[in-house]
């Protein structure tokens, strides 16, 4: 049952790949030597935006490009 839940959750998140969404940025993190701000879309999909010029508690709009790590998706801002 847990495996099915994980699979359905992944399918839900992957549905948004290539789509334009808005997200609230919450915290800064480093992944593979790059700095990102992470946050969530209104659908609770966790996204990361390159940290250049961003700050916590700000809204961004962009296209969800690809999965960076388990459950974390790269959002490219417009």
Protein backbone atom coordinates (compact mmCIF):
# COMPACT_ATOMS: atom_id res chain seq x y z
CA UNK A 1 0.00 0.00 0.00
CA UNK A 2 2.83 2.42 0.81
CA UNK A 3 4.47 1.67 -2.53
CA UNK A 4 1.24 2.60 -4.33
CA UNK A 5 1.02 5.86 -2.37
CA UNK A 6 4.61 6.72 -3.31
CA UNK A 7 3.96 5.95 -6.99
CA UNK A 8 0.78 8.05 -7.07
CA UNK A 9 2.53 10.94 -5.33
CA UNK A 10 5.34 10.86 -7.89
CA UNK A 11 2.85 10.78 -10.78
CA UNK A 12 1.04 13.76 -9.26
CA UNK A 13 4.27 15.81 -9.07
CA UNK A 14 5.46 14.79 -12.54
CA UNK A 15 2.14 15.98 -13.98
CA UNK A 16 3.39 19.55 -13.41
CA UNK A 17 6.66 19.17 -15.35
CA UNK A 18 6.77 21.68 -18.20
CA UNK A 19 3.91 23.70 -16.73
CA UNK A 20 4.01 27.27 -15.47
CA UNK A 21 3.31 27.59 -11.75
CA UNK A 22 3.78 30.02 -8.87
CA UNK A 23 5.62 29.11 -5.69
CA UNK A 24 6.34 30.67 -2.32
CA UNK A 25 10.07 30.53 -1.58
CA UNK A 26 10.88 29.58 2.00
CA UNK A 27 14.50 28.65 2.62
CA UNK A 28 17.92 28.58 1.01
CA UNK A 29 19.82 25.35 0.46
CA UNK A 30 22.83 24.00 -1.41
CA UNK A 31 22.65 21.02 -3.75
CA UNK A 32 25.57 19.76 -5.82
CA UNK A 33 27.48 23.00 -5.24
CA UNK A 34 24.60 25.24 -6.41
CA UNK A 35 22.59 27.57 -4.15
CA UNK A 36 18.78 27.39 -4.39
CA UNK A 37 15.74 28.73 -2.62
CA UNK A 38 13.15 26.05 -2.04
CA UNK A 39 9.44 26.42 -1.57
CA UNK A 40 6.09 25.00 -2.57
CA UNK A 41 3.48 25.56 -5.24
CA UNK A 42 -0.14 25.89 -4.14
CA UNK A 43 -0.46 22.17 -4.99
CA UNK A 44 2.34 21.44 -2.46
CA UNK A 45 4.90 20.41 -5.05
CA UNK A 46 8.35 21.21 -3.66
CA UNK A 47 10.41 23.33 -6.04
CA UNK A 48 13.86 24.90 -6.13
CA UNK A 49 14.83 28.17 -7.85
CA UNK A 50 18.43 29.29 -8.28
CA UNK A 51 19.18 31.61 -5.36
CA UNK A 52 20.52 34.52 -7.44
CA UNK A 53 18.61 37.62 -6.33
CA UNK A 54 15.88 35.77 -4.45
CA UNK A 55 14.80 35.93 -0.83
CA UNK A 56 12.65 33.90 1.53
CA UNK A 57 8.92 34.66 1.69
CA UNK A 58 8.66 35.83 -1.92
CA UNK A 59 6.50 34.51 -4.74
CA UNK A 60 8.03 33.43 -8.04
CA UNK A 61 6.51 32.29 -11.31
CA UNK A 62 8.24 29.85 -13.60
CA UNK A 63 8.21 26.59 -15.49
CA UNK A 64 8.90 23.34 -13.71
CA UNK A 65 11.78 21.79 -15.64
CA UNK A 66 13.03 18.57 -14.05
CA UNK A 67 13.54 16.67 -10.83
CA UNK A 68 16.68 17.76 -8.96
CA UNK A 69 16.45 15.14 -6.24
CA UNK A 70 13.78 12.92 -4.75
CA UNK A 71 10.63 15.03 -4.71
CA UNK A 72 12.39 18.36 -5.43
CA UNK A 73 11.79 19.97 -8.83
CA UNK A 74 13.77 22.71 -10.57
CA UNK A 75 11.67 25.75 -11.43
CA UNK A 76 13.05 28.11 -14.09
CA UNK A 77 11.77 31.60 -13.44
CA UNK A 78 10.45 33.81 -16.25
